């Protein structure tokens, strides 16, 4: 009986030591987490859920839509250009990746075009706030064809930029949120070739 009591006391002591050590290790991070945007935990949880479902972190970092069946690449690109112009995003050009791959390797590559857009005022405000934001610019909408011949559109998911760290200044957060909504609306319209 005494042995069991001593073993239980030892287990209790080890548990207390483990809890104390965890508090010492995690306490600085808990304090830092309090300074994050109030939506940060939900953003990270959503990304983790997507990664666990798909096994691919890239899936959590993009917003994507499959184009409606029957739409041609030309239909999608026309709708894409029309929507971007309506939202006053300046086109910086298109990178036809499939042509570059063919030119450099001699091998065919499925359609992959990167359409570049910019809102100069917002871009400059974001870069002034944090120069690392430049890595996410210019805004991109990708048009690609999968192995089954389906056309897809995607744009980066800006949730981490918007809510993944310390809160952005309110005016800048509203502008950036508006940009994310605009990019998603452009993708949605082009996927439906909505004119």
Protein backbone atom coordinates (compact mmCIF):
# COMPACT_ATOMS: atom_id res chain seq x y z
CA UNK A 1 0.00 0.00 0.00
CA UNK A 2 2.79 2.33 0.94
CA UNK A 3 4.48 1.68 -2.43
CA UNK A 4 1.31 2.62 -4.34
CA UNK A 5 0.92 5.80 -2.27
CA UNK A 6 4.56 6.75 -2.88
CA UNK A 7 4.21 6.08 -6.62
CA UNK A 8 1.09 8.23 -6.80
CA UNK A 9 2.85 10.99 -4.89
CA UNK A 10 5.78 10.78 -7.30
CA UNK A 11 3.44 10.94 -10.32
CA UNK A 12 1.71 13.97 -8.78
CA UNK A 13 5.03 15.68 -8.15
CA UNK A 14 6.20 15.00 -11.71
CA UNK A 15 2.90 16.34 -13.05
CA UNK A 16 3.33 19.55 -11.03
CA UNK A 17 6.90 19.93 -12.29
CA UNK A 18 5.71 19.39 -15.87
CA UNK A 19 2.93 21.97 -15.52
CA UNK A 20 5.37 24.44 -13.98
CA UNK A 21 7.88 23.89 -16.76
CA UNK A 22 5.16 24.31 -19.40
CA UNK A 23 4.08 27.59 -17.80
CA UNK A 24 7.66 28.86 -17.75
CA UNK A 25 8.21 27.89 -21.38
CA UNK A 26 4.86 29.05 -22.75
CA UNK A 27 4.27 32.17 -20.63
CA UNK A 28 6.28 34.56 -22.85
CA UNK A 29 4.37 33.34 -25.90
CA UNK A 30 1.01 33.69 -24.20
CA UNK A 31 1.78 37.34 -23.44
CA UNK A 32 2.86 37.93 -27.03
CA UNK A 33 -0.26 36.19 -28.33
CA UNK A 34 -2.38 38.73 -26.46
CA UNK A 35 -0.94 41.42 -28.73
CA UNK A 36 -2.06 39.69 -31.93
CA UNK A 37 -5.09 40.64 -33.97
CA UNK A 38 -8.27 39.28 -32.39
CA UNK A 39 -8.86 37.10 -35.48
CA UNK A 40 -5.35 35.60 -35.53
CA UNK A 41 -6.27 32.37 -33.75
CA UNK A 42 -9.19 31.74 -36.13
CA UNK A 43 -6.95 32.42 -39.15
CA UNK A 44 -4.31 29.97 -37.94
CA UNK A 45 -6.93 27.38 -37.02
CA UNK A 46 -8.53 27.67 -40.47
CA UNK A 47 -5.16 27.28 -42.17
CA UNK A 48 -4.30 24.27 -40.00
CA UNK A 49 -7.67 22.67 -40.83
CA UNK A 50 -7.05 23.12 -44.57
CA UNK A 51 -3.53 21.71 -44.29
CA UNK A 52 -4.78 18.69 -42.34
CA UNK A 53 -7.60 18.09 -44.86
CA UNK A 54 -5.43 18.44 -47.97
CA UNK A 55 -1.93 17.67 -46.71
CA UNK A 56 -0.73 20.73 -48.65
CA UNK A 57 0.09 24.10 -47.05
CA UNK A 58 -0.23 25.87 -50.40
CA UNK A 59 -3.96 25.12 -50.43
CA UNK A 60 -4.34 27.19 -47.26
CA UNK A 61 -2.53 30.13 -48.82
CA UNK A 62 -4.78 30.71 -51.83
CA UNK A 63 -8.37 31.50 -52.67
CA UNK A 64 -9.39 29.54 -55.75
CA UNK A 65 -12.35 28.81 -57.95
CA UNK A 66 -12.86 26.49 -60.87
CA UNK A 67 -14.22 28.24 -63.93
CA UNK A 68 -17.69 27.24 -65.04
CA UNK A 69 -17.66 24.34 -67.52
CA UNK A 70 -17.82 25.46 -71.12
CA UNK A 71 -15.90 28.70 -70.59
CA UNK A 72 -12.82 29.15 -72.72
CA UNK A 73 -9.58 30.69 -71.52
CA UNK A 74 -10.45 33.74 -73.63
CA UNK A 75 -13.84 34.06 -71.88
CA UNK A 76 -12.17 33.88 -68.47
CA UNK A 77 -9.44 36.36 -69.36
CA UNK A 78 -11.92 38.84 -70.84
CA UNK A 79 -14.04 38.70 -67.68
CA UNK A 80 -10.90 38.97 -65.55
CA UNK A 81 -9.73 42.11 -67.35
CA UNK A 82 -13.18 43.67 -67.25
CA UNK A 83 -13.57 43.06 -63.50
CA UNK A 84 -10.07 44.36 -62.68
CA UNK A 85 -10.75 47.51 -64.69
CA UNK A 86 -14.11 48.01 -62.95
CA UNK A 87 -12.38 47.81 -59.55
CA UNK A 88 -9.67 50.20 -60.78
CA UNK A 89 -6.77 47.81 -60.36
CA UNK A 90 -4.00 48.72 -62.77
CA UNK A 91 -2.78 45.89 -64.96
CA UNK A 92 0.97 45.39 -64.88
CA UNK A 93 0.89 42.64 -67.48
CA UNK A 94 0.61 38.89 -67.77
CA UNK A 95 3.32 36.29 -67.40
CA UNK A 96 2.61 33.34 -69.74
CA UNK A 97 4.54 30.71 -67.78
CA UNK A 98 3.63 27.86 -70.15
CA UNK A 99 5.33 29.71 -73.05
CA UNK A 100 8.46 30.33 -70.99
CA UNK A 101 8.69 26.68 -69.99
CA UNK A 102 8.28 25.61 -73.63
CA UNK A 103 10.88 28.13 -74.80
CA UNK A 104 13.44 27.09 -72.21
CA UNK A 105 12.89 23.33 -72.04
CA UNK A 106 11.18 22.44 -75.31
CA UNK A 107 8.49 20.62 -73.30
CA UNK A 108 4.80 21.39 -73.27
CA UNK A 109 3.37 22.74 -70.06
CA UNK A 110 -0.29 23.25 -69.14
CA UNK A 111 -1.72 26.75 -69.32
CA UNK A 112 -0.41 28.87 -66.46
CA UNK A 113 -0.70 32.62 -66.65
CA UNK A 114 0.02 35.06 -63.87
CA UNK A 115 -1.94 38.29 -64.21
CA UNK A 116 -0.36 41.15 -62.26
CA UNK A 117 -2.41 44.03 -60.83
CA UNK A 118 -1.61 46.99 -58.62
CA UNK A 119 -3.31 49.59 -56.47
CA UNK A 120 -0.33 51.98 -56.10
CA UNK A 121 -1.77 53.94 -53.16
CA UNK A 122 -2.49 50.85 -51.09
CA UNK A 123 0.80 49.19 -52.09
CA UNK A 124 2.79 52.20 -50.93
CA UNK A 125 0.85 52.39 -47.64
CA UNK A 126 1.41 48.68 -46.93
CA UNK A 127 5.12 48.90 -47.77
CA UNK A 128 5.55 51.99 -45.57
CA UNK A 129 3.91 50.06 -42.72
CA UNK A 130 6.07 46.97 -43.28
CA UNK A 131 8.54 46.62 -46.20
CA UNK A 132 8.16 42.81 -46.08
CA UNK A 133 4.67 43.28 -47.53
CA UNK A 134 6.37 43.94 -50.87
CA UNK A 135 6.88 40.17 -51.18
CA UNK A 136 3.10 39.86 -51.67
CA UNK A 137 2.98 42.51 -54.38
CA UNK A 138 1.92 43.06 -57.04
CA UNK A 139 -1.49 41.50 -56.61
CA UNK A 140 -1.80 38.33 -58.65
CA UNK A 141 -4.57 36.34 -60.22
CA UNK A 142 -3.48 33.04 -61.71
CA UNK A 143 -5.28 31.26 -64.51
CA UNK A 144 -4.27 27.65 -65.00
CA UNK A 145 -5.52 24.45 -66.56
CA UNK A 146 -5.42 21.23 -64.57
CA UNK A 147 -4.69 17.74 -65.90
CA UNK A 148 -8.39 17.23 -66.64
CA UNK A 149 -8.63 20.34 -68.80
CA UNK A 150 -10.50 22.41 -66.18
CA UNK A 151 -9.64 26.08 -65.91
CA UNK A 152 -8.93 27.41 -62.41
CA UNK A 153 -8.41 30.89 -61.05
CA UNK A 154 -6.62 31.69 -57.82
CA UNK A 155 -5.27 34.59 -55.85
CA UNK A 156 -3.22 34.70 -52.66
CA UNK A 157 -5.15 34.45 -49.41
CA UNK A 158 -4.28 37.65 -47.55
CA UNK A 159 -5.73 36.52 -44.20
CA UNK A 160 -2.25 36.23 -42.68
CA UNK A 161 -1.36 39.74 -43.82
CA UNK A 162 -4.65 41.08 -42.49
CA UNK A 163 -5.02 39.18 -39.22
CA UNK A 164 -2.00 36.93 -38.61
CA UNK A 165 0.03 39.28 -36.42
CA UNK A 166 -0.28 42.53 -34.55
CA UNK A 167 -3.34 44.48 -35.69
CA UNK A 168 -2.79 46.75 -38.66
CA UNK A 169 -3.76 50.38 -38.21
CA UNK A 170 -7.53 50.49 -38.74
CA UNK A 171 -7.48 52.54 -41.95
CA UNK A 172 -4.82 50.29 -43.49
CA UNK A 173 -6.66 47.15 -42.37
CA UNK A 174 -9.86 48.39 -44.01
CA UNK A 175 -7.99 49.13 -47.26
CA UNK A 176 -6.27 45.73 -47.26
CA UNK A 177 -9.51 43.93 -46.45
CA UNK A 178 -11.14 45.78 -49.33
CA UNK A 179 -8.33 44.64 -51.63
CA UNK A 180 -8.76 41.00 -50.57
CA UNK A 181 -12.50 41.21 -51.18
CA UNK A 182 -11.85 42.83 -54.57
CA UNK A 183 -9.41 40.11 -55.63
CA UNK A 184 -11.87 37.40 -54.60
CA UNK A 185 -14.69 39.15 -56.44
CA UNK A 186 -12.53 39.38 -59.55
CA UNK A 187 -11.77 35.65 -59.33
CA UNK A 188 -15.46 34.85 -58.79
CA UNK A 189 -16.55 36.98 -61.74
CA UNK A 190 -13.94 35.57 -64.07
CA UNK A 191 -14.80 32.01 -63.01
CA UNK A 192 -18.37 32.70 -64.09
CA UNK A 193 -17.34 34.95 -67.01
CA UNK A 194 -19.71 37.48 -65.51
CA UNK A 195 -19.84 40.54 -67.68
